[in-house]
C-alpha atoms as a PDB file:
ATOM      1  CA  MET A   1       2.386  21.090  -1.470  1.00  0.00           C
ATOM      2  CA  SER A   2       1.337  21.287  -5.110  1.00  0.00           C
ATOM      3  CA  ASP A   3      -2.105  20.271  -6.355  1.00  0.00           C
ATOM      4  CA  ASP A   4      -0.714  17.066  -7.650  1.00  0.00           C
ATOM      5  CA  ALA A   5       1.209  16.191  -4.465  1.00  0.00           C
ATOM      6  CA  PRO A   6       0.470  12.819  -2.768  1.00  0.00           C
ATOM      7  CA  GLN A   7      -2.607  12.578  -0.533  1.00  0.00           C
ATOM      8  CA  LEU A   8      -3.412  10.653   2.551  1.00  0.00           C
ATOM      9  CA  TYR A   9      -5.709   7.595   2.321  1.00  0.00           C
ATOM     10  CA  LEU A  10      -6.873   6.397   5.715  1.00  0.00           C
ATOM     11  CA  VAL A  11      -8.045   2.811   6.364  1.00  0.00           C
ATOM     12  CA  THR A  12     -10.160   1.796   9.338  1.00  0.00           C
ATOM     13  CA  PRO A  13      -9.540  -1.171  11.500  1.00  0.00           C
ATOM     14  CA  LEU A  14     -11.762  -4.185  11.034  1.00  0.00           C
ATOM     15  CA  LEU A  15     -14.747  -2.866  12.835  1.00  0.00           C
ATOM     16  CA  GLN A  16     -17.395  -4.800  14.734  1.00  0.00           C
ATOM     17  CA  GLU A  17     -19.474  -1.699  15.389  1.00  0.00           C
ATOM     18  CA  ALA A  18     -19.238   2.013  14.869  1.00  0.00           C
ATOM     19  CA  SER A  19     -20.441   3.837  17.994  1.00  0.00           C
ATOM     20  CA  ASN A  20     -17.224   3.453  19.870  1.00  0.00           C
ATOM     21  CA  PHE A  21     -15.050   4.180  16.849  1.00  0.00           C
ATOM     22  CA  LYS A  22     -17.005   7.291  15.776  1.00  0.00           C
ATOM     23  CA  LEU A  23     -15.134   9.785  17.954  1.00  0.00           C
ATOM     24  CA  ARG A  24     -11.670   8.501  17.078  1.00  0.00           C
ATOM     25  CA  LEU A  25     -12.437   8.742  13.428  1.00  0.00           C
ATOM     26  CA  VAL A  26     -13.695  12.292  13.638  1.00  0.00           C
ATOM     27  CA  GLN A  27     -10.557  13.370  15.691  1.00  0.00           C
ATOM     28  CA  ALA A  28      -8.348  11.782  13.153  1.00  0.00           C
ATOM     29  CA  LEU A  29     -10.083  13.326  10.126  1.00  0.00           C
ATOM     30  CA  GLU A  30      -9.988  16.841  11.748  1.00  0.00           C
ATOM     31  CA  ALA A  31      -6.196  16.535  12.360  1.00  0.00           C
ATOM     32  CA  ALA A  32      -5.134  16.432   8.781  1.00  0.00           C
ATOM     33  CA  ASN A  33      -6.500  16.690   5.202  1.00  0.00           C
ATOM     34  CA  VAL A  34      -7.337  13.125   4.322  1.00  0.00           C
ATOM     35  CA  ALA A  35      -8.485  12.454   0.613  1.00  0.00           C
ATOM     36  CA  SER A  36      -9.985   8.963   1.084  1.00  0.00           C
ATOM     37  CA  LEU A  37     -11.261   6.710   3.763  1.00  0.00           C
ATOM     38  CA  LEU A  38     -11.566   2.968   3.366  1.00  0.00           C
ATOM     39  CA  ILE A  39     -14.181   1.446   5.860  1.00  0.00           C
ATOM     40  CA  ARG A  40     -13.503  -2.235   6.766  1.00  0.00           C
ATOM     41  CA  ALA A  41     -16.387  -4.063   8.504  1.00  0.00           C
ATOM     42  CA  ASP A  42     -15.765  -7.483  10.242  1.00  0.00           C
ATOM     43  CA  HIS A  43     -19.119  -9.153   9.683  1.00  0.00           C
ATOM     44  CA  LYS A  44     -20.524 -11.747   7.378  1.00  0.00           C
ATOM     45  CA  ASP A  45     -23.933 -10.095   7.940  1.00  0.00           C
ATOM     46  CA  MET A  46     -24.278  -7.450   5.254  1.00  0.00           C
ATOM     47  CA  ARG A  47     -27.010  -5.523   7.318  1.00  0.00           C
ATOM     48  CA  ARG A  48     -24.574  -5.130  10.242  1.00  0.00           C
ATOM     49  CA  ASN A  49     -21.856  -3.889   7.963  1.00  0.00           C
ATOM     50  CA  GLU A  50     -24.312  -1.382   6.476  1.00  0.00           C
ATOM     51  CA  GLU A  51     -25.138  -0.087   9.923  1.00  0.00           C
ATOM     52  CA  ILE A  52     -21.427   0.740  10.335  1.00  0.00           C
ATOM     53  CA  LEU A  53     -21.340   2.445   6.900  1.00  0.00           C
ATOM     54  CA  ARG A  54     -24.451   4.398   7.515  1.00  0.00           C
ATOM     55  CA  ILE A  55     -22.888   5.871  10.712  1.00  0.00           C
ATOM     56  CA  LEU A  56     -19.406   6.569   9.441  1.00  0.00           C
ATOM     57  CA  THR A  57     -19.842   7.478   5.925  1.00  0.00           C
ATOM     58  CA  PRO A  58     -21.522  10.877   6.525  1.00  0.00           C
ATOM     59  CA  LEU A  59     -18.856  11.752   9.085  1.00  0.00           C
ATOM     60  CA  ALA A  60     -16.173  11.507   6.415  1.00  0.00           C
ATOM     61  CA  GLN A  61     -18.131  12.861   3.475  1.00  0.00           C
ATOM     62  CA  GLU A  62     -19.019  16.065   5.382  1.00  0.00           C
ATOM     63  CA  ARG A  63     -15.231  16.761   5.634  1.00  0.00           C
ATOM     64  CA  ASN A  64     -14.810  16.177   1.848  1.00  0.00           C
ATOM     65  CA  VAL A  65     -13.351  12.707   2.236  1.00  0.00           C
ATOM     66  CA  ALA A  66     -14.214  10.097  -0.381  1.00  0.00           C
ATOM     67  CA  VAL A  67     -15.484   6.933   1.309  1.00  0.00           C
ATOM     68  CA  LEU A  68     -14.810   3.508  -0.150  1.00  0.00           C
ATOM     69  CA  VAL A  69     -16.105   0.093   1.165  1.00  0.00           C
ATOM     70  CA  GLU A  70     -13.769  -3.003   1.251  1.00  0.00           C
ATOM     71  CA  ASN A  71     -15.300  -5.503  -1.221  1.00  0.00           C
ATOM     72  CA  GLY A  72     -18.591  -3.936  -0.751  1.00  0.00           C
ATOM     73  CA  VAL A  73     -20.100  -3.038  -4.148  1.00  0.00           C
ATOM     74  CA  ASN A  74     -23.694  -3.352  -3.103  1.00  0.00           C
ATOM     75  CA  GLU A  75     -23.158  -1.853   0.290  1.00  0.00           C
ATOM     76  CA  ALA A  76     -21.511   1.153  -1.292  1.00  0.00           C
ATOM     77  CA  LEU A  77     -24.461   1.703  -3.568  1.00  0.00           C
ATOM     78  CA  ARG A  78     -27.003   1.244  -0.625  1.00  0.00           C
ATOM     79  CA  CYS A  79     -25.188   3.362   1.835  1.00  0.00           C
ATOM     80  CA  GLY A  80     -24.213   6.284  -0.140  1.00  0.00           C
ATOM     81  CA  ALA A  81     -20.439   5.661  -0.304  1.00  0.00           C
ATOM     82  CA  ASP A  82     -18.268   6.894  -3.003  1.00  0.00           C
ATOM     83  CA  GLY A  83     -17.142   3.602  -4.258  1.00  0.00           C
ATOM     84  CA  ALA A  84     -15.428   0.220  -3.441  1.00  0.00           C
ATOM     85  CA  HIS A  85     -11.991  -1.137  -2.870  1.00  0.00           C
ATOM     86  CA  ILE A  86     -11.863  -4.616  -4.371  1.00  0.00           C
ATOM     87  CA  LEU A  87      -9.686  -7.445  -2.954  1.00  0.00           C
ATOM     88  CA  GLY A  88     -10.137 -10.314  -5.385  1.00  0.00           C
ATOM     89  CA  SER A  89      -9.778 -11.791  -8.743  1.00  0.00           C
ATOM     90  CA  THR A  90      -9.738 -10.030 -12.057  1.00  0.00           C
ATOM     91  CA  ASP A  91     -13.277 -11.183 -12.509  1.00  0.00           C
ATOM     92  CA  ASP A  92     -14.214  -9.458  -9.066  1.00  0.00           C
ATOM     93  CA  ILE A  93     -12.623  -6.294 -10.268  1.00  0.00           C
ATOM     94  CA  ALA A  94     -14.213  -6.370 -13.726  1.00  0.00           C
ATOM     95  CA  THR A  95     -17.723  -6.893 -12.039  1.00  0.00           C
ATOM     96  CA  ALA A  96     -17.169  -3.976  -9.754  1.00  0.00           C
ATOM     97  CA  VAL A  97     -16.085  -1.692 -12.652  1.00  0.00           C
ATOM     98  CA  LYS A  98     -19.151  -2.706 -14.643  1.00  0.00           C
ATOM     99  CA  LYS A  99     -21.505  -2.003 -11.770  1.00  0.00           C
ATOM    100  CA  LEU A 100     -19.851   1.197 -10.416  1.00  0.00           C
ATOM    101  CA  SER A 101     -17.839   3.056 -13.091  1.00  0.00           C
ATOM    102  CA  PRO A 102     -17.841   5.937 -14.037  1.00  0.00           C
ATOM    103  CA  ARG A 103     -20.106   7.335 -11.312  1.00  0.00           C
ATOM    104  CA  TYR A 104     -18.399   5.625  -8.445  1.00  0.00           C
ATOM    105  CA  ILE A 105     -14.780   4.997  -7.669  1.00  0.00           C
ATOM    106  CA  VAL A 106     -13.310   1.366  -8.103  1.00  0.00           C
ATOM    107  CA  GLY A 107      -9.939   0.706  -6.499  1.00  0.00           C
ATOM    108  CA  ALA A 108      -8.035  -2.639  -7.079  1.00  0.00           C
ATOM    109  CA  GLY A 109      -6.394  -3.616  -3.796  1.00  0.00           C
ATOM    110  CA  ASN A 110      -3.510  -5.729  -2.695  1.00  0.00           C
ATOM    111  CA  LEU A 111      -1.948  -6.138  -6.120  1.00  0.00           C
ATOM    112  CA  ALA A 112       1.271  -8.143  -5.381  1.00  0.00           C
ATOM    113  CA  THR A 113       2.759  -8.457  -8.838  1.00  0.00           C
ATOM    114  CA  ARG A 114       3.316  -6.246 -11.808  1.00  0.00           C
ATOM    115  CA  ASP A 115       1.024  -8.434 -13.917  1.00  0.00           C
ATOM    116  CA  ASP A 116      -1.802  -8.081 -11.392  1.00  0.00           C
ATOM    117  CA  ALA A 117      -1.431  -4.322 -11.435  1.00  0.00           C
ATOM    118  CA  MET A 118      -1.404  -4.060 -15.228  1.00  0.00           C
ATOM    119  CA  GLN A 119      -4.419  -6.378 -15.609  1.00  0.00           C
ATOM    120  CA  ALA A 120      -6.294  -4.174 -13.034  1.00  0.00           C
ATOM    121  CA  GLY A 121      -5.327  -1.013 -14.812  1.00  0.00           C
ATOM    122  CA  GLU A 122      -6.476  -2.407 -18.164  1.00  0.00           C
ATOM    123  CA  LEU A 123      -9.971  -3.044 -16.583  1.00  0.00           C
ATOM    124  CA  GLY A 124     -10.378   0.652 -16.001  1.00  0.00           C
ATOM    125  CA  VAL A 125      -9.942   0.953 -12.282  1.00  0.00           C
ATOM    126  CA  ASP A 126      -9.650   4.379 -10.741  1.00  0.00           C
ATOM    127  CA  TYR A 127      -6.511   3.458  -8.770  1.00  0.00           C
ATOM    128  CA  VAL A 128      -4.209   0.404  -8.171  1.00  0.00           C
ATOM    129  CA  HIS A 129      -3.072  -0.454  -4.717  1.00  0.00           C
ATOM    130  CA  LEU A 130       0.459  -1.964  -4.905  1.00  0.00           C
ATOM    131  CA  VAL A 131       1.782  -4.204  -2.147  1.00  0.00           C
ATOM    132  CA  SER A 132       4.948  -5.990  -1.271  1.00  0.00           C
ATOM    133  CA  PRO A 133       6.377  -7.629   1.941  1.00  0.00           C
ATOM    134  CA  ASP A 134       9.620  -5.712   1.344  1.00  0.00           C
ATOM    135  CA  ALA A 135       9.547  -1.842   1.694  1.00  0.00           C
ATOM    136  CA  HIS A 136      12.351  -1.278  -0.709  1.00  0.00           C
ATOM    137  CA  GLN A 137      10.657  -3.476  -3.357  1.00  0.00           C
ATOM    138  CA  LEU A 138       7.411  -1.636  -2.820  1.00  0.00           C
ATOM    139  CA  MET A 139       9.146   1.690  -3.514  1.00  0.00           C
ATOM    140  CA  GLU A 140      10.751   0.203  -6.691  1.00  0.00           C
ATOM    141  CA  ARG A 141       7.318  -1.039  -7.863  1.00  0.00           C
ATOM    142  CA  VAL A 142       5.682   2.427  -7.169  1.00  0.00           C
ATOM    143  CA  ALA A 143       8.419   4.052  -9.182  1.00  0.00           C
ATOM    144  CA  TRP A 144       7.979   1.640 -11.986  1.00  0.00           C
ATOM    145  CA  TRP A 145       4.202   2.142 -12.063  1.00  0.00           C
ATOM    146  CA  SER A 146       4.256   5.885 -11.784  1.00  0.00           C
ATOM    147  CA  GLU A 147       6.791   6.240 -14.767  1.00  0.00           C
ATOM    148  CA  LEU A 148       4.799   4.008 -17.149  1.00  0.00           C
ATOM    149  CA  PHE A 149       1.083   4.456 -16.306  1.00  0.00           C
ATOM    150  CA  ILE A 150      -1.590   7.197 -15.822  1.00  0.00           C
ATOM    151  CA  THR A 151      -3.771   5.397 -13.404  1.00  0.00           C
ATOM    152  CA  PRO A 152      -3.093   6.563  -9.852  1.00  0.00           C
ATOM    153  CA  CYS A 153      -1.326   4.219  -7.438  1.00  0.00           C
ATOM    154  CA  VAL A 154      -1.734   3.716  -3.755  1.00  0.00           C
ATOM    155  CA  ALA A 155       1.002   2.413  -1.443  1.00  0.00           C
ATOM    156  CA  LYS A 156       0.808   1.688   2.263  1.00  0.00           C
ATOM    157  CA  ALA A 157       3.153   3.201   4.765  1.00  0.00           C
ATOM    158  CA  GLU A 158       3.692   0.794   7.678  1.00  0.00           C
ATOM    159  CA  LYS A 159       5.810   3.379   9.574  1.00  0.00           C
ATOM    160  CA  LEU A 160       5.726   7.106   9.432  1.00  0.00           C
ATOM    161  CA  ASP A 161       9.276   7.284   8.036  1.00  0.00           C
ATOM    162  CA  GLU A 162       8.111   5.343   4.959  1.00  0.00           C
ATOM    163  CA  ILE A 163       5.734   8.165   3.881  1.00  0.00           C
ATOM    164  CA  ALA A 164       8.234  10.535   2.223  1.00  0.00           C
ATOM    165  CA  PRO A 165      10.122   7.874   0.377  1.00  0.00           C
ATOM    166  CA  LEU A 166       6.859   6.380  -1.016  1.00  0.00           C
ATOM    167  CA  ALA A 167       5.698   9.769  -2.047  1.00  0.00           C
ATOM    168  CA  GLN A 168       9.057  10.594  -3.685  1.00  0.00           C
ATOM    169  CA  ALA A 169       8.819   7.284  -5.548  1.00  0.00           C
ATOM    170  CA  GLY A 170       5.644   8.393  -7.155  1.00  0.00           C
ATOM    171  CA  ALA A 171       2.765   7.174  -5.026  1.00  0.00           C
ATOM    172  CA  ASP A 172      -0.345   9.306  -5.553  1.00  0.00           C
ATOM    173  CA  PHE A 173      -1.899   8.258  -2.358  1.00  0.00           C
ATOM    174  CA  ILE A 174      -0.234   7.115   0.932  1.00  0.00           C
ATOM    175  CA  MET A 175      -2.353   4.481   2.644  1.00  0.00           C
ATOM    176  CA  LEU A 176      -2.262   4.509   6.443  1.00  0.00           C
ATOM    177  CA  GLU A 177      -3.767   2.131   8.893  1.00  0.00           C
ATOM    178  CA  ASP A 178      -2.146   0.526  11.918  1.00  0.00           C
ATOM    179  CA  VAL A 179       0.461   3.400  12.161  1.00  0.00           C
ATOM    180  CA  VAL A 180      -2.434   5.664  12.898  1.00  0.00           C
ATOM    181  CA  TRP A 181      -4.765   3.648  14.979  1.00  0.00           C
ATOM    182  CA  SER A 182      -2.060   2.018  17.140  1.00  0.00           C
ATOM    183  CA  ASP A 183      -0.274   5.244  17.911  1.00  0.00           C
ATOM    184  CA  PRO A 184       0.194   5.446  21.807  1.00  0.00           C
ATOM    185  CA  ARG A 185      -0.659   9.216  21.696  1.00  0.00           C
ATOM    186  CA  ASP A 186      -3.780   9.127  19.558  1.00  0.00           C
ATOM    187  CA  PRO A 187      -4.807   8.839  15.918  1.00  0.00           C
ATOM    188  CA  ALA A 188      -4.868  12.629  15.487  1.00  0.00           C
ATOM    189  CA  ALA A 189      -1.320  13.004  16.506  1.00  0.00           C
ATOM    190  CA  ALA A 190      -0.145  10.254  14.136  1.00  0.00           C
ATOM    191  CA  LEU A 191      -2.097  11.810  11.192  1.00  0.00           C
ATOM    192  CA  SER A 192      -0.686  15.165  11.932  1.00  0.00           C
ATOM    193  CA  ASP A 193       2.761  13.730  11.858  1.00  0.00           C
ATOM    194  CA  ALA A 194       1.949  11.910   8.561  1.00  0.00           C
ATOM    195  CA  LEU A 195       0.837  15.100   6.983  1.00  0.00           C
ATOM    196  CA  ALA A 196       4.037  16.742   8.063  1.00  0.00           C
ATOM    197  CA  CYS A 197       5.934  13.977   6.361  1.00  0.00           C
ATOM    198  CA  LEU A 198       4.478  14.947   3.115  1.00  0.00           C
ATOM    199  CA  GLN A 199       5.229  18.606   3.483  1.00  0.00           C
ATOM    200  CA  GLY A 200       7.964  19.665   1.153  1.00  0.00           C
ATOM    201  CA  VAL A 201       8.165  16.382  -0.654  1.00  0.00           C
ATOM    202  CA  SER A 202       9.371  17.063  -4.203  1.00  0.00           C
ATOM    203  CA  VAL A 203       7.370  15.032  -6.819  1.00  0.00           C
END
């Protein structure tokens, strides 16, 4: 693949703790070259979320994977992550950009409309995460964005056979979550297959 070929962006399940997940994450990250990891913690208690981050963040970073925290601007700063993935209003995104940019990554997540994506892009985020309930519509939206804007875009593949079409449509990062962690073989096998889906994609 060329240097500007799409890259893999892995998302953890909602985590209650890190100790039982640690080995699965390492196996997955060693199976394929992953550019970014989004850590999702399922606690209201910030301290418990930070425990998860402090365990998992170094495991990814030592493999040259950028670590982002879901809606965790302060946690990202305290735990040595590389940035935050913001699910929220324009104000939430603007606040994150103000606190984190340009030293840290700020991604705008779950952008369901073209207007939402354009507003996030105007705020100076490092990437936009485009979503749609319809796979074909998502590909159309990715193609629209990639033709008109410089800011990288992320699109989630719900199935392995969606990876190549999203890449060909212009996605800079292919987000993977359930398709990896629910694979009946193991996450490493799923990620190996995902990487193979990107091989030879013409962009």
